[in-house]
Amino acid sequence: MKIISPEEVHAALSYPALVDALQRAYAGQFSMPPRQVHMLDDDPGNNNAFALLPSWNDDVIGVKAFTYFPDNKGPEYKSLYSKIMLFDRQHGEPLALVDGTSVTFWRTAGISGLATRLLAREDSETLLVLGTGNLSTYIIRANVSVRPVKKVLVWGRTADKAAKVVEQMNAELEGVTCLVANDIKSACAEADIVVAATGSHEPLVMGDWIKPGTHTDFIGNHHATKRECDTALVIKAKVYADSRVNAFKEAGEILVPISEGVFEPEDIVAELTEMCAGTATLRESADEITLFKSIGMALSDLVGASLAYRTVIA
């Protein structure tokens, strides 16, 4: 059995290869039981948790396991540890233990790139990324790999962090100019693609700021009562989700408008499997605004870990 480190994952994965693999996987047959999240203590003040996310397809079986200890302090321990165990689908043989944290960055941004490939205008040239965490650079790489992006705007609550992301991407990407966005409203007015991956509990993107033809993508929020965009954007957009089940549990962007009586569950046009299989209506005109809400699915971890494994052993 192969043990694959974070460094090996980063060396093995690339865009758009991972976007391609994700699109094939979601268009095909797979099984994905509900994820299990177990709180490790009955004490209401203790949030330590252990989670299991299983999935399999015709090639491989996988389970992502992670621990979340938010109160870990200092450099000795992290708040989150994650591993993905892979087994051969035909015989059940253990294949690899893959670092899950690095795969999560790659696959989460890969789904963003896949949504952009399926929903954004083909001539989209300006990308706005909200958020400067570890995921931000992966989001930029994934989206640039599927559309002819010439300008990337990066907004963050801390200007220095946004400047660091911009500096890194300018050094890495050829033919793309990266700039710090100081004002979300004006940046939204310029952007063809807007991707939000923040920890904000209040809307950052307003529907009145989004111009016709823009594709929007919301990744950061996993709370039923919180959201990264307002109701006005949801109402004026064609809305898609990675999973309806996930969206109706954890996506405040969708659940808040439903609670307000201005959006119905049936108003979600399609989920990712339908979008990739070609059975869903996607963008139909250059003026449509599209909105994709991503919560995260175990199959994405399976695809990312499997691609890393196949690349490492090749």
C-alpha atoms as a PDB file:
ATOM      1  CA  MET A   1       0.000   0.000   0.000  1.00  0.00           C
ATOM      2  CA  LYS A   2       1.281   3.408  -0.994  1.00  0.00           C
ATOM      3  CA  ILE A   3       1.376   6.310   1.456  1.00  0.00           C
ATOM      4  CA  ILE A   4       1.068   9.608  -0.424  1.00  0.00           C
ATOM      5  CA  SER A   5       2.265  12.773   1.302  1.00  0.00           C
ATOM      6  CA  PRO A   6       0.965  16.330   0.841  1.00  0.00           C
ATOM      7  CA  GLU A   7       4.032  17.135  -1.259  1.00  0.00           C
ATOM      8  CA  GLU A   8       3.305  14.201  -3.568  1.00  0.00           C
ATOM      9  CA  VAL A   9      -0.333  15.255  -3.916  1.00  0.00           C
ATOM     10  CA  HIS A  10       0.677  18.778  -4.930  1.00  0.00           C
ATOM     11  CA  ALA A  11       3.203  17.437  -7.450  1.00  0.00           C
ATOM     12  CA  ALA A  12       0.717  14.957  -8.916  1.00  0.00           C
ATOM     13  CA  LEU A  13      -2.395  17.103  -9.381  1.00  0.00           C
ATOM     14  CA  SER A  14      -2.941  19.840 -11.942  1.00  0.00           C
ATOM     15  CA  TYR A  15      -5.680  21.790 -13.689  1.00  0.00           C
ATOM     16  CA  PRO A  16      -7.533  21.250 -15.940  1.00  0.00           C
ATOM     17  CA  ALA A  17      -6.723  17.519 -15.589  1.00  0.00           C
ATOM     18  CA  LEU A  18      -8.509  17.332 -12.231  1.00  0.00           C
ATOM     19  CA  VAL A  19     -11.488  19.277 -13.597  1.00  0.00           C
ATOM     20  CA  ASP A  20     -11.687  16.755 -16.446  1.00  0.00           C
ATOM     21  CA  ALA A  21     -11.582  13.818 -14.005  1.00  0.00           C
ATOM     22  CA  LEU A  22     -14.290  15.359 -11.823  1.00  0.00           C
ATOM     23  CA  GLN A  23     -16.546  15.941 -14.811  1.00  0.00           C
ATOM     24  CA  ARG A  24     -16.187  12.321 -15.955  1.00  0.00           C
ATOM     25  CA  ALA A  25     -16.847  11.008 -12.466  1.00  0.00           C
ATOM     26  CA  TYR A  26     -19.999  13.039 -11.868  1.00  0.00           C
ATOM     27  CA  ALA A  27     -21.331  12.061 -15.287  1.00  0.00           C
ATOM     28  CA  GLY A  28     -20.826   8.368 -14.488  1.00  0.00           C
ATOM     29  CA  GLN A  29     -22.079   5.837 -11.973  1.00  0.00           C
ATOM     30  CA  PHE A  30     -21.073   6.110  -8.326  1.00  0.00           C
ATOM     31  CA  SER A  31     -22.317   5.505  -4.799  1.00  0.00           C
ATOM     32  CA  MET A  32     -22.031   8.023  -1.987  1.00  0.00           C
ATOM     33  CA  PRO A  33     -23.675   7.216   1.360  1.00  0.00           C
ATOM     34  CA  PRO A  34     -24.382  10.147   3.684  1.00  0.00           C
ATOM     35  CA  ARG A  35     -21.362  11.443   5.528  1.00  0.00           C
ATOM     36  CA  GLN A  36     -21.154  10.735   9.230  1.00  0.00           C
ATOM     37  CA  VAL A  37     -20.036  13.412  11.677  1.00  0.00           C
ATOM     38  CA  HIS A  38     -19.557  12.269  15.259  1.00  0.00           C
ATOM     39  CA  MET A  39     -19.126  14.660  18.152  1.00  0.00           C
ATOM     40  CA  LEU A  40     -16.565  13.184  20.527  1.00  0.00           C
ATOM     41  CA  ASP A  41     -17.881  14.675  23.735  1.00  0.00           C
ATOM     42  CA  ASP A  42     -21.314  15.372  25.177  1.00  0.00           C
ATOM     43  CA  ASP A  43     -20.054  18.573  26.751  1.00  0.00           C
ATOM     44  CA  PRO A  44     -21.788  21.432  24.849  1.00  0.00           C
ATOM     45  CA  GLY A  45     -18.618  23.488  25.115  1.00  0.00           C
ATOM     46  CA  ASN A  46     -16.508  20.840  23.382  1.00  0.00           C
ATOM     47  CA  ASN A  47     -16.633  20.824  19.572  1.00  0.00           C
ATOM     48  CA  ASN A  48     -14.109  18.061  18.869  1.00  0.00           C
ATOM     49  CA  ALA A  49     -15.398  15.870  16.024  1.00  0.00           C
ATOM     50  CA  PHE A  50     -14.576  12.861  13.873  1.00  0.00           C
ATOM     51  CA  ALA A  51     -16.076  12.478  10.383  1.00  0.00           C
ATOM     52  CA  LEU A  52     -16.286   9.767   7.715  1.00  0.00           C
ATOM     53  CA  LEU A  53     -17.123  10.391   4.049  1.00  0.00           C
ATOM     54  CA  PRO A  54     -17.400   7.185   1.962  1.00  0.00           C
ATOM     55  CA  SER A  55     -17.849   6.812  -1.793  1.00  0.00           C
ATOM     56  CA  TRP A  56     -17.029   4.441  -4.630  1.00  0.00           C
ATOM     57  CA  ASN A  57     -17.299   3.993  -8.382  1.00  0.00           C
ATOM     58  CA  ASP A  58     -16.371   1.247 -10.850  1.00  0.00           C
ATOM     59  CA  ASP A  59     -12.636   1.785 -10.291  1.00  0.00           C
ATOM     60  CA  VAL A  60     -11.988   2.566  -6.667  1.00  0.00           C
ATOM     61  CA  ILE A  61     -13.486   2.640  -3.172  1.00  0.00           C
ATOM     62  CA  GLY A  62     -12.572   5.440  -0.827  1.00  0.00           C
ATOM     63  CA  VAL A  63     -13.275   6.883   2.581  1.00  0.00           C
ATOM     64  CA  LYS A  64     -12.139  10.255   3.786  1.00  0.00           C
ATOM     65  CA  ALA A  65     -11.686  10.468   7.545  1.00  0.00           C
ATOM     66  CA  PHE A  66     -10.923  13.667   9.368  1.00  0.00           C
ATOM     67  CA  THR A  67     -10.700  15.004  12.890  1.00  0.00           C
ATOM     68  CA  TYR A  68     -11.616  18.536  13.871  1.00  0.00           C
ATOM     69  CA  PHE A  69     -10.238  19.914  17.141  1.00  0.00           C
ATOM     70  CA  PRO A  70     -10.882  23.678  16.894  1.00  0.00           C
ATOM     71  CA  ASP A  71      -9.313  24.452  20.253  1.00  0.00           C
ATOM     72  CA  ASN A  72      -5.878  23.065  19.380  1.00  0.00           C
ATOM     73  CA  LYS A  73      -3.315  25.769  20.072  1.00  0.00           C
ATOM     74  CA  GLY A  74       0.283  26.397  19.087  1.00  0.00           C
ATOM     75  CA  PRO A  75       2.426  24.995  16.285  1.00  0.00           C
ATOM     76  CA  GLU A  76       2.497  21.427  17.611  1.00  0.00           C
ATOM     77  CA  TYR A  77      -1.051  20.477  16.581  1.00  0.00           C
ATOM     78  CA  LYS A  78      -3.389  21.500  13.767  1.00  0.00           C
ATOM     79  CA  SER A  79      -7.115  21.954  14.190  1.00  0.00           C
ATOM     80  CA  LEU A  80      -7.855  19.557  11.328  1.00  0.00           C
ATOM     81  CA  TYR A  81      -6.250  16.300  10.182  1.00  0.00           C
ATOM     82  CA  SER A  82      -7.515  14.390   7.157  1.00  0.00           C
ATOM     83  CA  LYS A  83      -6.642  11.165   5.345  1.00  0.00           C
ATOM     84  CA  ILE A  84      -8.230   9.341   2.405  1.00  0.00           C
ATOM     85  CA  MET A  85      -8.027   5.545   2.221  1.00  0.00           C
ATOM     86  CA  LEU A  86      -8.313   4.004  -1.260  1.00  0.00           C
ATOM     87  CA  PHE A  87      -9.204   0.391  -2.110  1.00  0.00           C
ATOM     88  CA  ASP A  88      -9.349  -1.395  -5.451  1.00  0.00           C
ATOM     89  CA  ARG A  89     -12.979  -1.761  -6.519  1.00  0.00           C
ATOM     90  CA  GLN A  90     -12.569  -5.174  -8.165  1.00  0.00           C
ATOM     91  CA  HIS A  91     -10.844  -7.062  -5.348  1.00  0.00           C
ATOM     92  CA  GLY A  92     -11.024  -4.742  -2.351  1.00  0.00           C
ATOM     93  CA  GLU A  93      -7.243  -4.536  -2.021  1.00  0.00           C
ATOM     94  CA  PRO A  94      -5.932  -1.508  -0.111  1.00  0.00           C
ATOM     95  CA  LEU A  95      -4.167   0.816  -2.565  1.00  0.00           C
ATOM     96  CA  ALA A  96      -3.123   3.990  -0.803  1.00  0.00           C
ATOM     97  CA  LEU A  97      -3.411   6.292   2.171  1.00  0.00           C
ATOM     98  CA  VAL A  98      -3.520   9.794   0.725  1.00  0.00           C
ATOM     99  CA  ASP A  99      -3.171  13.115   2.534  1.00  0.00           C
ATOM    100  CA  GLY A 100      -6.699  14.476   2.707  1.00  0.00           C
ATOM    101  CA  THR A 101      -6.027  18.122   3.500  1.00  0.00           C
ATOM    102  CA  SER A 102      -4.134  18.781   0.286  1.00  0.00           C
ATOM    103  CA  VAL A 103      -6.665  16.828  -1.783  1.00  0.00           C
ATOM    104  CA  THR A 104      -9.447  18.921  -0.254  1.00  0.00           C
ATOM    105  CA  PHE A 105      -7.881  22.146  -1.521  1.00  0.00           C
ATOM    106  CA  TRP A 106      -7.446  20.726  -5.010  1.00  0.00           C
ATOM    107  CA  ARG A 107     -10.869  19.120  -5.336  1.00  0.00           C
ATOM    108  CA  THR A 108     -12.826  22.034  -3.817  1.00  0.00           C
ATOM    109  CA  ALA A 109     -11.302  24.469  -6.290  1.00  0.00           C
ATOM    110  CA  GLY A 110     -11.635  21.837  -9.010  1.00  0.00           C
ATOM    111  CA  ILE A 111     -15.413  21.828  -8.525  1.00  0.00           C
ATOM    112  CA  SER A 112     -15.344  25.620  -8.817  1.00  0.00           C
ATOM    113  CA  GLY A 113     -13.510  25.263 -12.111  1.00  0.00           C
ATOM    114  CA  LEU A 114     -15.992  22.630 -13.252  1.00  0.00           C
ATOM    115  CA  ALA A 115     -18.953  24.888 -12.453  1.00  0.00           C
ATOM    116  CA  THR A 116     -17.261  27.687 -14.390  1.00  0.00           C
ATOM    117  CA  ARG A 117     -16.686  25.380 -17.352  1.00  0.00           C
ATOM    118  CA  LEU A 118     -20.369  24.392 -17.367  1.00  0.00           C
ATOM    119  CA  LEU A 119     -21.996  27.736 -16.573  1.00  0.00           C
ATOM    120  CA  ALA A 120     -19.751  30.722 -17.344  1.00  0.00           C
ATOM    121  CA  ARG A 121     -19.710  32.487 -20.699  1.00  0.00           C
ATOM    122  CA  GLU A 122     -16.978  31.085 -22.916  1.00  0.00           C
ATOM    123  CA  ASP A 123     -15.536  34.583 -23.413  1.00  0.00           C
ATOM    124  CA  SER A 124     -15.231  35.302 -19.676  1.00  0.00           C
ATOM    125  CA  GLU A 125     -12.017  37.274 -19.111  1.00  0.00           C
ATOM    126  CA  THR A 126     -12.238  38.795 -15.612  1.00  0.00           C
ATOM    127  CA  LEU A 127     -12.328  36.694 -12.443  1.00  0.00           C
ATOM    128  CA  LEU A 128     -13.082  38.069  -8.974  1.00  0.00           C
ATOM    129  CA  VAL A 129     -12.096  35.919  -6.001  1.00  0.00           C
ATOM    130  CA  LEU A 130     -13.353  36.855  -2.543  1.00  0.00           C
ATOM    131  CA  GLY A 131     -11.231  35.373   0.208  1.00  0.00           C
ATOM    132  CA  THR A 132      -7.494  35.065   0.770  1.00  0.00           C
ATOM    133  CA  GLY A 133      -7.255  31.760   2.636  1.00  0.00           C
ATOM    134  CA  ASN A 134      -5.330  28.681   1.500  1.00  0.00           C
ATOM    135  CA  LEU A 135      -8.033  27.873  -1.048  1.00  0.00           C
ATOM    136  CA  SER A 136      -7.749  31.160  -2.963  1.00  0.00           C
ATOM    137  CA  THR A 137      -4.771  30.286  -5.154  1.00  0.00           C
ATOM    138  CA  TYR A 138      -6.294  26.940  -6.102  1.00  0.00           C
ATOM    139  CA  ILE A 139      -9.548  28.663  -7.109  1.00  0.00           C
ATOM    140  CA  ILE A 140      -7.621  31.009  -9.364  1.00  0.00           C
ATOM    141  CA  ARG A 141      -5.655  28.181 -10.995  1.00  0.00           C
ATOM    142  CA  ALA A 142      -8.758  26.071 -11.585  1.00  0.00           C
ATOM    143  CA  ASN A 143     -10.840  28.867 -13.103  1.00  0.00           C
ATOM    144  CA  VAL A 144      -8.019  30.183 -15.267  1.00  0.00           C
ATOM    145  CA  SER A 145      -7.558  26.661 -16.653  1.00  0.00           C
ATOM    146  CA  VAL A 146     -11.093  26.510 -18.105  1.00  0.00           C
ATOM    147  CA  ARG A 147     -11.740  30.063 -19.340  1.00  0.00           C
ATOM    148  CA  PRO A 148      -9.575  32.659 -21.178  1.00  0.00           C
ATOM    149  CA  VAL A 149      -9.126  34.784 -18.055  1.00  0.00           C
ATOM    150  CA  LYS A 150      -6.884  37.818 -18.526  1.00  0.00           C
ATOM    151  CA  LYS A 151      -7.504  39.641 -15.247  1.00  0.00           C
ATOM    152  CA  VAL A 152      -7.929  38.333 -11.700  1.00  0.00           C
ATOM    153  CA  LEU A 153      -9.192  40.584  -8.907  1.00  0.00           C
ATOM    154  CA  VAL A 154      -8.587  39.430  -5.329  1.00  0.00           C
ATOM    155  CA  TRP A 155     -10.502  40.839  -2.368  1.00  0.00           C
ATOM    156  CA  GLY A 156      -9.822  40.124   1.278  1.00  0.00           C
ATOM    157  CA  ARG A 157     -10.613  41.731   4.595  1.00  0.00           C
ATOM    158  CA  THR A 158      -6.877  42.181   5.115  1.00  0.00           C
ATOM    159  CA  ALA A 159      -5.231  44.037   2.236  1.00  0.00           C
ATOM    160  CA  ASP A 160      -1.805  42.538   2.980  1.00  0.00           C
ATOM    161  CA  LYS A 161      -3.142  39.011   2.565  1.00  0.00           C
ATOM    162  CA  ALA A 162      -4.790  39.926  -0.726  1.00  0.00           C
ATOM    163  CA  ALA A 163      -1.510  41.463  -1.896  1.00  0.00           C
ATOM    164  CA  LYS A 164       0.353  38.232  -1.081  1.00  0.00           C
ATOM    165  CA  VAL A 165      -2.093  36.164  -3.145  1.00  0.00           C
ATOM    166  CA  VAL A 166      -1.752  38.628  -6.023  1.00  0.00           C
ATOM    167  CA  GLU A 167       2.047  38.551  -5.840  1.00  0.00           C
ATOM    168  CA  GLN A 168       2.113  34.750  -5.868  1.00  0.00           C
ATOM    169  CA  MET A 169      -0.288  34.450  -8.798  1.00  0.00           C
ATOM    170  CA  ASN A 170       1.440  37.147 -10.855  1.00  0.00           C
ATOM    171  CA  ALA A 171       4.694  35.220 -10.478  1.00  0.00           C
ATOM    172  CA  GLU A 172       3.030  31.947 -11.476  1.00  0.00           C
ATOM    173  CA  LEU A 173       0.523  32.758 -14.223  1.00  0.00           C
ATOM    174  CA  GLU A 174       1.527  33.878 -17.697  1.00  0.00           C
ATOM    175  CA  GLY A 175      -0.704  36.258 -19.632  1.00  0.00           C
ATOM    176  CA  VAL A 176      -2.875  36.985 -16.584  1.00  0.00           C
ATOM    177  CA  THR A 177      -2.787  40.219 -14.582  1.00  0.00           C
ATOM    178  CA  CYS A 178      -3.684  39.874 -10.903  1.00  0.00           C
ATOM    179  CA  LEU A 179      -4.723  42.916  -8.877  1.00  0.00           C
ATOM    180  CA  VAL A 180      -6.012  43.655  -5.396  1.00  0.00           C
ATOM    181  CA  ALA A 181      -9.693  44.608  -5.344  1.00  0.00           C
ATOM    182  CA  ASN A 182     -10.282  47.282  -2.720  1.00  0.00           C
ATOM    183  CA  ASP A 183     -14.049  47.515  -3.207  1.00  0.00           C
ATOM    184  CA  ILE A 184     -16.354  44.527  -3.777  1.00  0.00           C
ATOM    185  CA  LYS A 185     -19.108  46.527  -5.471  1.00  0.00           C
ATOM    186  CA  SER A 186     -16.897  47.978  -8.196  1.00  0.00           C
ATOM    187  CA  ALA A 187     -15.083  44.656  -8.634  1.00  0.00           C
ATOM    188  CA  CYS A 188     -18.399  42.832  -9.094  1.00  0.00           C
ATOM    189  CA  ALA A 189     -19.384  45.324 -11.776  1.00  0.00           C
ATOM    190  CA  GLU A 190     -16.232  44.418 -13.692  1.00  0.00           C
ATOM    191  CA  ALA A 191     -16.169  40.650 -13.189  1.00  0.00           C
ATOM    192  CA  ASP A 192     -17.420  37.945 -15.553  1.00  0.00           C
ATOM    193  CA  ILE A 193     -16.896  35.266 -12.894  1.00  0.00           C
ATOM    194  CA  VAL A 194     -17.287  35.810  -9.139  1.00  0.00           C
ATOM    195  CA  VAL A 195     -16.129  33.143  -6.693  1.00  0.00           C
ATOM    196  CA  ALA A 196     -16.618  33.653  -2.953  1.00  0.00           C
ATOM    197  CA  ALA A 197     -14.711  31.464  -0.502  1.00  0.00           C
ATOM    198  CA  THR A 198     -14.869  33.380   2.750  1.00  0.00           C
ATOM    199  CA  GLY A 199     -15.879  32.780   6.328  1.00  0.00           C
ATOM    200  CA  SER A 200     -18.415  35.601   6.185  1.00  0.00           C
ATOM    201  CA  HIS A 201     -21.762  35.075   7.899  1.00  0.00           C
ATOM    202  CA  GLU A 202     -23.284  38.125   6.225  1.00  0.00           C
ATOM    203  CA  PRO A 203     -23.816  38.713   2.484  1.00  0.00           C
ATOM    204  CA  LEU A 204     -20.801  40.143   0.699  1.00  0.00           C
ATOM    205  CA  VAL A 205     -22.155  39.975  -2.865  1.00  0.00           C
ATOM    206  CA  MET A 206     -25.351  41.856  -3.673  1.00  0.00           C
ATOM    207  CA  GLY A 207     -27.573  41.066  -6.612  1.00  0.00           C
ATOM    208  CA  ASP A 208     -27.718  44.697  -7.692  1.00  0.00           C
ATOM    209  CA  TRP A 209     -23.941  44.669  -8.151  1.00  0.00           C
ATOM    210  CA  ILE A 210     -23.823  41.719 -10.568  1.00  0.00           C
ATOM    211  CA  LYS A 211     -23.985  42.554 -14.256  1.00  0.00           C
ATOM    212  CA  PRO A 212     -25.879  40.459 -16.834  1.00  0.00           C
ATOM    213  CA  GLY A 213     -23.954  37.425 -18.057  1.00  0.00           C
ATOM    214  CA  THR A 214     -21.957  36.891 -14.858  1.00  0.00           C
ATOM    215  CA  HIS A 215     -21.355  33.462 -13.352  1.00  0.00           C
ATOM    216  CA  THR A 216     -21.252  33.391  -9.544  1.00  0.00           C
ATOM    217  CA  ASP A 217     -19.993  30.612  -7.291  1.00  0.00           C
ATOM    218  CA  PHE A 218     -20.335  30.415  -3.491  1.00  0.00           C
ATOM    219  CA  ILE A 219     -18.080  28.039  -1.573  1.00  0.00           C
ATOM    220  CA  GLY A 220     -17.306  29.408   1.872  1.00  0.00           C
ATOM    221  CA  ASN A 221     -20.554  29.122   3.827  1.00  0.00           C
ATOM    222  CA  HIS A 222     -21.851  25.827   5.260  1.00  0.00           C
ATOM    223  CA  HIS A 223     -24.482  27.247   7.622  1.00  0.00           C
ATOM    224  CA  ALA A 224     -28.228  27.106   7.061  1.00  0.00           C
ATOM    225  CA  THR A 225     -28.787  30.644   8.357  1.00  0.00           C
ATOM    226  CA  LYS A 226     -25.653  32.335   6.992  1.00  0.00           C
ATOM    227  CA  ARG A 227     -24.755  33.312   3.424  1.00  0.00           C
ATOM    228  CA  GLU A 228     -22.214  35.002   1.169  1.00  0.00           C
ATOM    229  CA  CYS A 229     -24.789  36.619  -1.169  1.00  0.00           C
ATOM    230  CA  ASP A 230     -28.124  38.322  -0.719  1.00  0.00           C
ATOM    231  CA  THR A 231     -31.599  37.201  -1.743  1.00  0.00           C
ATOM    232  CA  ALA A 232     -31.707  39.591  -4.707  1.00  0.00           C
ATOM    233  CA  LEU A 233     -28.935  37.660  -6.461  1.00  0.00           C
ATOM    234  CA  VAL A 234     -30.635  34.299  -5.910  1.00  0.00           C
ATOM    235  CA  ILE A 235     -33.896  35.623  -7.334  1.00  0.00           C
ATOM    236  CA  LYS A 236     -32.322  37.045 -10.499  1.00  0.00           C
ATOM    237  CA  ALA A 237     -30.008  34.069 -11.188  1.00  0.00           C
ATOM    238  CA  LYS A 238     -30.385  30.556 -12.561  1.00  0.00           C
ATOM    239  CA  VAL A 239     -29.457  28.558  -9.462  1.00  0.00           C
ATOM    240  CA  TYR A 240     -27.492  25.294  -9.407  1.00  0.00           C
ATOM    241  CA  ALA A 241     -26.025  23.203  -6.573  1.00  0.00           C
ATOM    242  CA  ASP A 242     -23.457  20.465  -6.206  1.00  0.00           C
ATOM    243  CA  SER A 243     -26.137  18.497  -4.338  1.00  0.00           C
ATOM    244  CA  ARG A 244     -29.741  19.349  -3.588  1.00  0.00           C
ATOM    245  CA  VAL A 245     -29.575  17.291  -0.386  1.00  0.00           C
ATOM    246  CA  ASN A 246     -26.550  19.236   0.836  1.00  0.00           C
ATOM    247  CA  ALA A 247     -27.994  22.567  -0.213  1.00  0.00           C
ATOM    248  CA  PHE A 248     -31.229  22.009   1.678  1.00  0.00           C
ATOM    249  CA  LYS A 249     -29.260  21.200   4.839  1.00  0.00           C
ATOM    250  CA  GLU A 250     -26.390  23.680   4.873  1.00  0.00           C
ATOM    251  CA  ALA A 251     -26.716  26.387   2.206  1.00  0.00           C
ATOM    252  CA  GLY A 252     -28.031  29.603   3.694  1.00  0.00           C
ATOM    253  CA  GLU A 253     -27.729  31.209   0.265  1.00  0.00           C
ATOM    254  CA  ILE A 254     -30.668  29.011  -0.733  1.00  0.00           C
ATOM    255  CA  LEU A 255     -32.400  28.293   2.576  1.00  0.00           C
ATOM    256  CA  VAL A 256     -32.796  31.941   3.621  1.00  0.00           C
ATOM    257  CA  PRO A 257     -34.668  32.916   0.416  1.00  0.00           C
ATOM    258  CA  ILE A 258     -36.821  29.786   0.871  1.00  0.00           C
ATOM    259  CA  SER A 259     -37.665  30.887   4.421  1.00  0.00           C
ATOM    260  CA  GLU A 260     -38.550  34.327   3.053  1.00  0.00           C
ATOM    261  CA  GLY A 261     -41.053  32.735   0.665  1.00  0.00           C
ATOM    262  CA  VAL A 262     -39.371  34.061  -2.492  1.00  0.00           C
ATOM    263  CA  PHE A 263     -37.590  30.889  -3.634  1.00  0.00           C
ATOM    264  CA  GLU A 264     -38.798  27.297  -3.901  1.00  0.00           C
ATOM    265  CA  PRO A 265     -36.727  24.090  -3.690  1.00  0.00           C
ATOM    266  CA  GLU A 266     -37.871  23.311  -7.233  1.00  0.00           C
ATOM    267  CA  ASP A 267     -36.203  26.537  -8.404  1.00  0.00           C
ATOM    268  CA  ILE A 268     -32.786  24.856  -8.269  1.00  0.00           C
ATOM    269  CA  VAL A 269     -32.300  24.117 -11.947  1.00  0.00           C
ATOM    270  CA  ALA A 270     -29.972  21.132 -11.536  1.00  0.00           C
ATOM    271  CA  GLU A 271     -27.332  19.478  -9.384  1.00  0.00           C
ATOM    272  CA  LEU A 272     -23.836  18.513 -10.461  1.00  0.00           C
ATOM    273  CA  THR A 273     -24.585  14.965 -11.639  1.00  0.00           C
ATOM    274  CA  GLU A 274     -27.260  16.259 -14.018  1.00  0.00           C
ATOM    275  CA  MET A 275     -25.030  19.086 -15.204  1.00  0.00           C
ATOM    276  CA  CYS A 276     -22.160  16.721 -16.036  1.00  0.00           C
ATOM    277  CA  ALA A 277     -24.374  14.042 -17.584  1.00  0.00           C
ATOM    278  CA  GLY A 278     -25.792  16.540 -20.065  1.00  0.00           C
ATOM    279  CA  THR A 279     -29.383  16.169 -18.849  1.00  0.00           C
ATOM    280  CA  ALA A 280     -29.640  19.659 -17.346  1.00  0.00           C
ATOM    281  CA  THR A 281     -30.338  23.019 -18.905  1.00  0.00           C
ATOM    282  CA  LEU A 282     -27.193  25.114 -18.513  1.00  0.00           C
ATOM    283  CA  ARG A 283     -26.496  28.658 -19.712  1.00  0.00           C
ATOM    284  CA  GLU A 284     -28.842  29.568 -22.566  1.00  0.00           C
ATOM    285  CA  SER A 285     -27.811  33.152 -23.295  1.00  0.00           C
ATOM    286  CA  ALA A 286     -24.961  35.608 -22.823  1.00  0.00           C
ATOM    287  CA  ASP A 287     -27.105  37.758 -20.533  1.00  0.00           C
ATOM    288  CA  GLU A 288     -28.108  35.143 -17.961  1.00  0.00           C
ATOM    289  CA  ILE A 289     -26.709  35.289 -14.455  1.00  0.00           C
ATOM    290  CA  THR A 290     -25.831  31.879 -13.048  1.00  0.00           C
ATOM    291  CA  LEU A 291     -25.272  30.906  -9.411  1.00  0.00           C
ATOM    292  CA  PHE A 292     -23.597  27.694  -8.244  1.00  0.00           C
ATOM    293  CA  LYS A 293     -23.674  26.707  -4.575  1.00  0.00           C
ATOM    294  CA  SER A 294     -21.065  24.199  -3.436  1.00  0.00           C
ATOM    295  CA  ILE A 295     -21.073  22.390  -0.087  1.00  0.00           C
ATOM    296  CA  GLY A 296     -18.705  19.516  -0.902  1.00  0.00           C
ATOM    297  CA  MET A 297     -19.169  15.848  -1.798  1.00  0.00           C
ATOM    298  CA  ALA A 298     -17.197  12.724  -0.938  1.00  0.00           C
ATOM    299  CA  LEU A 299     -16.931  11.711  -4.589  1.00  0.00           C
ATOM    300  CA  SER A 300     -14.704  14.735  -5.195  1.00  0.00           C
ATOM    301  CA  ASP A 301     -12.284  13.458  -2.547  1.00  0.00           C
ATOM    302  CA  LEU A 302     -12.317  10.025  -4.178  1.00  0.00           C
ATOM    303  CA  VAL A 303     -11.526  11.509  -7.586  1.00  0.00           C
ATOM    304  CA  GLY A 304      -8.742  13.762  -6.320  1.00  0.00           C
ATOM    305  CA  ALA A 305      -7.088  11.047  -4.242  1.00  0.00           C
ATOM    306  CA  SER A 306      -7.402   8.473  -7.022  1.00  0.00           C
ATOM    307  CA  LEU A 307      -5.882  10.790  -9.620  1.00  0.00           C
ATOM    308  CA  ALA A 308      -3.005  11.600  -7.272  1.00  0.00           C
ATOM    309  CA  TYR A 309      -2.422   7.882  -6.642  1.00  0.00           C
ATOM    310  CA  ARG A 310      -2.501   6.950 -10.344  1.00  0.00           C
ATOM    311  CA  THR A 311      -0.099   9.781 -11.163  1.00  0.00           C
ATOM    312  CA  VAL A 312       2.344   8.893  -8.382  1.00  0.00           C
ATOM    313  CA  ILE A 313       2.590   5.222  -9.355  1.00  0.00           C
ATOM    314  CA  ALA A 314       2.738   5.857 -13.108  1.00  0.00           C
END
